[in-house]
Amino acid sequence: MEVQRSLVDCANPEAPSATDLEAMTADAARHRTSEELEAALAHIRGAPADNGALELIVRRPAVDEREVLETGALSLDEGLVGDTWNRRSSSKTPDGGPLLDAQLNIMNARAAAAVAGPIERWALAGDQLYIDLDLSGETLPPGTRLALGEAVIQITAEPHTGCGKFSARFGVAALRFVNSPAGRALNLRGVNARVARPGTIRTGDTVTRLS
């Protein structure tokens, strides 16, 4: 069974049903080996430092559901509009509400391809934005702002690390890869961000690091 991508326009109220992660996982490609992942490092390190591209937008309408968007809206209050971030509790906030510094989860598109394979499987990682840009701490320290489409987002200091779900979906070797010293330096598992200026974003938008 081929994994289907749900293409959703944020202005279209007749949005198709979300992709079920259970179905995606059941049809999963094989897990990458440590050797294959290490071989991908040079390509990942070649990601642009200043002007990249937004390769994939993924909304999470419910637990273990994904919607792949061609067009999305970023909001100061909701993050990616229609996502469940603002309904997720956190032990790091005084009232147990959603953590603003984890409003958006971002993954390097090259790292996603290395661990997941074809773009149809990237959404399994659980991030909302997949961009072809160097996400290393040296290039994008906390506080860095990125312009994409009409919006601006700001990288936060909140860590984004691999977990049990990541291992189950992509394999133990992939978890070790993103959590290795090189993986952490490059932020291969990804980074967290918050919306600094709301606006519309589209797949293919240029992502520009602002000085």
C-alpha atoms as a PDB file:
ATOM      1  CA  MET A   1       0.000   0.000   0.000  1.00  0.00           C
ATOM      2  CA  GLU A   2       1.404   3.374  -0.979  1.00  0.00           C
ATOM      3  CA  VAL A   3       1.494   6.046   1.709  1.00  0.00           C
ATOM      4  CA  GLN A   4      -0.754   8.942   0.699  1.00  0.00           C
ATOM      5  CA  ARG A   5       0.021  12.604   1.343  1.00  0.00           C
ATOM      6  CA  SER A   6      -2.920  14.737   2.453  1.00  0.00           C
ATOM      7  CA  LEU A   7      -2.476  18.033   0.608  1.00  0.00           C
ATOM      8  CA  VAL A   8      -4.313  20.735   2.522  1.00  0.00           C
ATOM      9  CA  ASP A   9      -4.791  24.426   1.760  1.00  0.00           C
ATOM     10  CA  CYS A  10      -5.217  26.444   4.971  1.00  0.00           C
ATOM     11  CA  ALA A  11      -7.918  28.528   3.274  1.00  0.00           C
ATOM     12  CA  ASN A  12      -9.916  25.442   2.305  1.00  0.00           C
ATOM     13  CA  PRO A  13     -12.475  24.417   4.979  1.00  0.00           C
ATOM     14  CA  GLU A  14     -12.988  21.077   3.242  1.00  0.00           C
ATOM     15  CA  ALA A  15      -9.681  19.657   4.426  1.00  0.00           C
ATOM     16  CA  PRO A  16      -9.085  15.958   3.694  1.00  0.00           C
ATOM     17  CA  SER A  17      -8.703  13.506   6.538  1.00  0.00           C
ATOM     18  CA  ALA A  18      -5.309  13.207   8.178  1.00  0.00           C
ATOM     19  CA  THR A  19      -2.783  10.474   7.504  1.00  0.00           C
ATOM     20  CA  ASP A  20      -2.825   7.784  10.192  1.00  0.00           C
ATOM     21  CA  LEU A  21       0.673   7.134  11.529  1.00  0.00           C
ATOM     22  CA  GLU A  22      -0.171   3.521  12.229  1.00  0.00           C
ATOM     23  CA  ALA A  23      -0.745   2.972   8.515  1.00  0.00           C
ATOM     24  CA  MET A  24       2.446   4.837   7.653  1.00  0.00           C
ATOM     25  CA  THR A  25       4.456   2.792  10.109  1.00  0.00           C
ATOM     26  CA  ALA A  26       2.966  -0.489   8.914  1.00  0.00           C
ATOM     27  CA  ASP A  27       4.108   0.371   5.409  1.00  0.00           C
ATOM     28  CA  ALA A  28       7.468   1.662   6.610  1.00  0.00           C
ATOM     29  CA  ALA A  29      10.647   1.283   4.655  1.00  0.00           C
ATOM     30  CA  ARG A  30      13.490  -0.590   6.303  1.00  0.00           C
ATOM     31  CA  HIS A  31      15.498   1.136   8.998  1.00  0.00           C
ATOM     32  CA  ARG A  32      18.791   2.702   7.924  1.00  0.00           C
ATOM     33  CA  THR A  33      22.021   1.169   9.163  1.00  0.00           C
ATOM     34  CA  SER A  34      24.659   3.056  11.118  1.00  0.00           C
ATOM     35  CA  GLU A  35      26.931   2.937   8.076  1.00  0.00           C
ATOM     36  CA  GLU A  36      24.269   4.466   5.825  1.00  0.00           C
ATOM     37  CA  LEU A  37      23.557   7.212   8.334  1.00  0.00           C
ATOM     38  CA  GLU A  38      27.228   8.080   8.782  1.00  0.00           C
ATOM     39  CA  ALA A  39      27.611   8.229   4.988  1.00  0.00           C
ATOM     40  CA  ALA A  40      24.872  10.873   4.885  1.00  0.00           C
ATOM     41  CA  LEU A  41      26.706  13.262   7.224  1.00  0.00           C
ATOM     42  CA  ALA A  42      28.668  15.022   4.497  1.00  0.00           C
ATOM     43  CA  HIS A  43      25.471  15.804   2.583  1.00  0.00           C
ATOM     44  CA  ILE A  44      23.750  17.044   5.739  1.00  0.00           C
ATOM     45  CA  ARG A  45      26.712  19.281   6.556  1.00  0.00           C
ATOM     46  CA  GLY A  46      26.361  20.793   3.079  1.00  0.00           C
ATOM     47  CA  ALA A  47      22.992  22.376   3.930  1.00  0.00           C
ATOM     48  CA  PRO A  48      22.956  26.157   3.312  1.00  0.00           C
ATOM     49  CA  ALA A  49      23.666  28.424   6.265  1.00  0.00           C
ATOM     50  CA  ASP A  50      21.731  31.508   5.188  1.00  0.00           C
ATOM     51  CA  ASN A  51      19.146  30.898   2.467  1.00  0.00           C
ATOM     52  CA  GLY A  52      17.436  27.527   2.501  1.00  0.00           C
ATOM     53  CA  ALA A  53      14.040  26.187   1.499  1.00  0.00           C
ATOM     54  CA  LEU A  54      10.892  25.023   3.257  1.00  0.00           C
ATOM     55  CA  GLU A  55      10.536  21.464   1.972  1.00  0.00           C
ATOM     56  CA  LEU A  56       7.561  20.173   3.994  1.00  0.00           C
ATOM     57  CA  ILE A  57       4.821  21.520   6.294  1.00  0.00           C
ATOM     58  CA  VAL A  58       3.082  19.039   8.580  1.00  0.00           C
ATOM     59  CA  ARG A  59       0.138  19.699  10.864  1.00  0.00           C
ATOM     60  CA  ARG A  60      -0.782  17.390  13.763  1.00  0.00           C
ATOM     61  CA  PRO A  61      -4.590  17.594  14.138  1.00  0.00           C
ATOM     62  CA  ALA A  62      -4.679  14.809  16.747  1.00  0.00           C
ATOM     63  CA  VAL A  63      -2.383  12.305  18.434  1.00  0.00           C
ATOM     64  CA  ASP A  64      -0.677  10.102  15.836  1.00  0.00           C
ATOM     65  CA  GLU A  65      -2.288  11.936  12.919  1.00  0.00           C
ATOM     66  CA  ARG A  66      -0.574  14.090  10.315  1.00  0.00           C
ATOM     67  CA  GLU A  67      -1.714  16.456   7.572  1.00  0.00           C
ATOM     68  CA  VAL A  68       0.834  17.486   4.952  1.00  0.00           C
ATOM     69  CA  LEU A  69       0.126  21.061   3.888  1.00  0.00           C
ATOM     70  CA  GLU A  70       1.005  22.949   0.741  1.00  0.00           C
ATOM     71  CA  THR A  71       0.012  26.188   2.507  1.00  0.00           C
ATOM     72  CA  GLY A  72      -0.126  26.887   6.232  1.00  0.00           C
ATOM     73  CA  ALA A  73      -0.675  29.795   8.615  1.00  0.00           C
ATOM     74  CA  LEU A  74       1.579  30.677  11.540  1.00  0.00           C
ATOM     75  CA  SER A  75      -0.072  32.402  14.492  1.00  0.00           C
ATOM     76  CA  LEU A  76       1.377  33.966  17.635  1.00  0.00           C
ATOM     77  CA  ASP A  77      -1.221  32.151  19.752  1.00  0.00           C
ATOM     78  CA  GLU A  78      -1.580  28.836  17.907  1.00  0.00           C
ATOM     79  CA  GLY A  79       1.770  28.252  16.244  1.00  0.00           C
ATOM     80  CA  LEU A  80       0.889  26.348  13.084  1.00  0.00           C
ATOM     81  CA  VAL A  81      -2.862  26.941  12.852  1.00  0.00           C
ATOM     82  CA  GLY A  82      -4.786  23.688  13.253  1.00  0.00           C
ATOM     83  CA  ASP A  83      -1.905  21.927  15.021  1.00  0.00           C
ATOM     84  CA  THR A  84      -2.348  20.503  18.520  1.00  0.00           C
ATOM     85  CA  TRP A  85       0.589  22.373  20.111  1.00  0.00           C
ATOM     86  CA  ASN A  86      -1.723  24.689  22.036  1.00  0.00           C
ATOM     87  CA  ARG A  87      -3.581  21.683  23.492  1.00  0.00           C
ATOM     88  CA  ARG A  88      -0.479  19.873  24.719  1.00  0.00           C
ATOM     89  CA  SER A  89       0.433  20.114  28.397  1.00  0.00           C
ATOM     90  CA  SER A  90       3.979  20.637  29.625  1.00  0.00           C
ATOM     91  CA  SER A  91       5.644  20.031  32.968  1.00  0.00           C
ATOM     92  CA  LYS A  92       7.894  23.024  32.230  1.00  0.00           C
ATOM     93  CA  THR A  93       5.172  25.662  32.519  1.00  0.00           C
ATOM     94  CA  PRO A  94       3.759  26.950  35.845  1.00  0.00           C
ATOM     95  CA  ASP A  95       0.177  26.061  34.923  1.00  0.00           C
ATOM     96  CA  GLY A  96       0.950  22.902  32.954  1.00  0.00           C
ATOM     97  CA  GLY A  97      -0.094  24.562  29.714  1.00  0.00           C
ATOM     98  CA  PRO A  98       1.697  24.392  26.354  1.00  0.00           C
ATOM     99  CA  LEU A  99       5.358  25.419  26.260  1.00  0.00           C
ATOM    100  CA  LEU A 100       5.770  28.506  24.058  1.00  0.00           C
ATOM    101  CA  ASP A 101       9.443  27.772  23.414  1.00  0.00           C
ATOM    102  CA  ALA A 102       8.395  24.493  21.758  1.00  0.00           C
ATOM    103  CA  GLN A 103       5.613  26.037  19.676  1.00  0.00           C
ATOM    104  CA  LEU A 104       7.254  24.846  16.453  1.00  0.00           C
ATOM    105  CA  ASN A 105       9.432  21.766  15.926  1.00  0.00           C
ATOM    106  CA  ILE A 106      11.838  22.020  12.995  1.00  0.00           C
ATOM    107  CA  MET A 107      13.962  19.307  11.390  1.00  0.00           C
ATOM    108  CA  ASN A 108      16.707  19.527   8.785  1.00  0.00           C
ATOM    109  CA  ALA A 109      15.280  18.116   5.540  1.00  0.00           C
ATOM    110  CA  ARG A 110      18.525  16.290   4.730  1.00  0.00           C
ATOM    111  CA  ALA A 111      18.570  14.651   8.158  1.00  0.00           C
ATOM    112  CA  ALA A 112      14.922  13.642   7.713  1.00  0.00           C
ATOM    113  CA  ALA A 113      15.751  12.042   4.363  1.00  0.00           C
ATOM    114  CA  ALA A 114      18.719  10.226   5.908  1.00  0.00           C
ATOM    115  CA  VAL A 115      16.714   8.592   8.708  1.00  0.00           C
ATOM    116  CA  ALA A 116      13.281   8.254   7.065  1.00  0.00           C
ATOM    117  CA  GLY A 117      13.961   7.875   3.360  1.00  0.00           C
ATOM    118  CA  PRO A 118      11.319   9.281   0.956  1.00  0.00           C
ATOM    119  CA  ILE A 119       9.535  12.516   1.813  1.00  0.00           C
ATOM    120  CA  GLU A 120       6.272  10.625   2.326  1.00  0.00           C
ATOM    121  CA  ARG A 121       7.750   9.220   5.561  1.00  0.00           C
ATOM    122  CA  TRP A 122       9.255  12.406   7.020  1.00  0.00           C
ATOM    123  CA  ALA A 123       6.038  13.256   8.885  1.00  0.00           C
ATOM    124  CA  LEU A 124       6.624  10.225  11.110  1.00  0.00           C
ATOM    125  CA  ALA A 125       9.272  12.294  12.927  1.00  0.00           C
ATOM    126  CA  GLY A 126       6.538  14.512  14.370  1.00  0.00           C
ATOM    127  CA  ASP A 127       7.958  17.906  13.409  1.00  0.00           C
ATOM    128  CA  GLN A 128       5.917  20.626  11.698  1.00  0.00           C
ATOM    129  CA  LEU A 129       8.557  22.254   9.493  1.00  0.00           C
ATOM    130  CA  TYR A 130      11.244  20.486   7.450  1.00  0.00           C
ATOM    131  CA  ILE A 131      13.754  22.903   5.970  1.00  0.00           C
ATOM    132  CA  ASP A 132      16.920  22.594   3.928  1.00  0.00           C
ATOM    133  CA  LEU A 133      19.053  24.761   6.209  1.00  0.00           C
ATOM    134  CA  ASP A 134      21.969  24.220   8.573  1.00  0.00           C
ATOM    135  CA  LEU A 135      20.337  23.917  12.003  1.00  0.00           C
ATOM    136  CA  SER A 136      23.557  23.572  13.987  1.00  0.00           C
ATOM    137  CA  GLY A 137      23.914  25.523  17.199  1.00  0.00           C
ATOM    138  CA  GLU A 138      26.851  27.393  15.698  1.00  0.00           C
ATOM    139  CA  THR A 139      24.776  28.631  12.749  1.00  0.00           C
ATOM    140  CA  LEU A 140      21.414  29.051  14.489  1.00  0.00           C
ATOM    141  CA  PRO A 141      21.985  29.836  18.175  1.00  0.00           C
ATOM    142  CA  PRO A 142      18.911  30.525  20.333  1.00  0.00           C
ATOM    143  CA  GLY A 143      17.440  33.888  19.450  1.00  0.00           C
ATOM    144  CA  THR A 144      18.185  33.598  15.734  1.00  0.00           C
ATOM    145  CA  ARG A 145      15.272  34.682  13.540  1.00  0.00           C
ATOM    146  CA  LEU A 146      14.289  33.052  10.272  1.00  0.00           C
ATOM    147  CA  ALA A 147      12.030  34.589   7.631  1.00  0.00           C
ATOM    148  CA  LEU A 148       9.840  32.218   5.638  1.00  0.00           C
ATOM    149  CA  GLY A 149       6.920  33.305   3.482  1.00  0.00           C
ATOM    150  CA  GLU A 150       5.133  36.138   5.272  1.00  0.00           C
ATOM    151  CA  ALA A 151       6.195  34.912   8.710  1.00  0.00           C
ATOM    152  CA  VAL A 152       9.216  35.182  10.995  1.00  0.00           C
ATOM    153  CA  ILE A 153      10.110  32.530  13.567  1.00  0.00           C
ATOM    154  CA  GLN A 154      12.679  32.593  16.376  1.00  0.00           C
ATOM    155  CA  ILE A 155      14.885  29.690  17.443  1.00  0.00           C
ATOM    156  CA  THR A 156      14.602  28.947  21.168  1.00  0.00           C
ATOM    157  CA  ALA A 157      16.937  27.275  23.661  1.00  0.00           C
ATOM    158  CA  GLU A 158      14.483  24.436  24.399  1.00  0.00           C
ATOM    159  CA  PRO A 159      16.273  21.149  23.518  1.00  0.00           C
ATOM    160  CA  HIS A 160      14.795  18.865  20.872  1.00  0.00           C
ATOM    161  CA  THR A 161      16.102  15.307  21.249  1.00  0.00           C
ATOM    162  CA  GLY A 162      15.239  11.840  19.985  1.00  0.00           C
ATOM    163  CA  CYS A 163      12.914   9.653  22.066  1.00  0.00           C
ATOM    164  CA  GLY A 164      11.378   6.192  22.153  1.00  0.00           C
ATOM    165  CA  LYS A 165       8.862   7.005  19.409  1.00  0.00           C
ATOM    166  CA  PHE A 166      11.669   8.158  17.135  1.00  0.00           C
ATOM    167  CA  SER A 167      13.528   4.900  17.746  1.00  0.00           C
ATOM    168  CA  ALA A 168      10.399   2.816  17.101  1.00  0.00           C
ATOM    169  CA  ARG A 169       9.731   4.544  13.791  1.00  0.00           C
ATOM    170  CA  PHE A 170      13.268   4.845  12.423  1.00  0.00           C
ATOM    171  CA  GLY A 171      15.361   2.352  14.384  1.00  0.00           C
ATOM    172  CA  VAL A 172      17.884   2.345  17.219  1.00  0.00           C
ATOM    173  CA  ALA A 173      20.712   3.311  14.854  1.00  0.00           C
ATOM    174  CA  ALA A 174      18.814   6.464  13.850  1.00  0.00           C
ATOM    175  CA  LEU A 175      18.245   7.433  17.489  1.00  0.00           C
ATOM    176  CA  ARG A 176      21.935   6.969  18.255  1.00  0.00           C
ATOM    177  CA  PHE A 177      22.814   8.944  15.124  1.00  0.00           C
ATOM    178  CA  VAL A 178      20.803  12.060  16.029  1.00  0.00           C
ATOM    179  CA  ASN A 179      21.860  11.892  19.698  1.00  0.00           C
ATOM    180  CA  SER A 180      25.565  11.346  18.961  1.00  0.00           C
ATOM    181  CA  PRO A 181      28.044  14.202  19.607  1.00  0.00           C
ATOM    182  CA  ALA A 182      28.005  15.097  15.899  1.00  0.00           C
ATOM    183  CA  GLY A 183      24.230  14.743  15.791  1.00  0.00           C
ATOM    184  CA  ARG A 184      23.752  17.069  18.742  1.00  0.00           C
ATOM    185  CA  ALA A 185      26.212  19.642  17.363  1.00  0.00           C
ATOM    186  CA  LEU A 186      24.312  19.681  14.071  1.00  0.00           C
ATOM    187  CA  ASN A 187      20.901  19.447  15.801  1.00  0.00           C
ATOM    188  CA  LEU A 188      20.001  16.508  13.578  1.00  0.00           C
ATOM    189  CA  ARG A 189      16.932  15.711  15.640  1.00  0.00           C
ATOM    190  CA  GLY A 190      15.874  19.301  15.141  1.00  0.00           C
ATOM    191  CA  VAL A 191      15.352  22.572  16.955  1.00  0.00           C
ATOM    192  CA  ASN A 192      12.450  24.316  18.655  1.00  0.00           C
ATOM    193  CA  ALA A 193      11.121  27.728  17.701  1.00  0.00           C
ATOM    194  CA  ARG A 194       8.284  30.158  18.315  1.00  0.00           C
ATOM    195  CA  VAL A 195       6.377  32.455  15.982  1.00  0.00           C
ATOM    196  CA  ALA A 196       7.764  36.010  16.048  1.00  0.00           C
ATOM    197  CA  ARG A 197       5.627  37.405  13.231  1.00  0.00           C
ATOM    198  CA  PRO A 198       2.483  35.656  11.995  1.00  0.00           C
ATOM    199  CA  GLY A 199       1.817  35.000   8.342  1.00  0.00           C
ATOM    200  CA  THR A 200       1.220  32.499   5.565  1.00  0.00           C
ATOM    201  CA  ILE A 201       3.876  29.953   4.628  1.00  0.00           C
ATOM    202  CA  ARG A 202       4.043  27.692   1.586  1.00  0.00           C
ATOM    203  CA  THR A 203       6.045  24.653   0.574  1.00  0.00           C
ATOM    204  CA  GLY A 204       9.014  25.902  -1.446  1.00  0.00           C
ATOM    205  CA  ASP A 205       9.314  29.218   0.428  1.00  0.00           C
ATOM    206  CA  THR A 206      12.847  30.527   0.862  1.00  0.00           C
ATOM    207  CA  VAL A 207      14.037  30.382   4.473  1.00  0.00           C
ATOM    208  CA  THR A 208      16.363  33.290   5.239  1.00  0.00           C
ATOM    209  CA  ARG A 209      18.488  33.711   8.332  1.00  0.00           C
ATOM    210  CA  LEU A 210      18.047  37.273   9.585  1.00  0.00           C
ATOM    211  CA  SER A 211      20.982  39.205  11.034  1.00  0.00           C
END
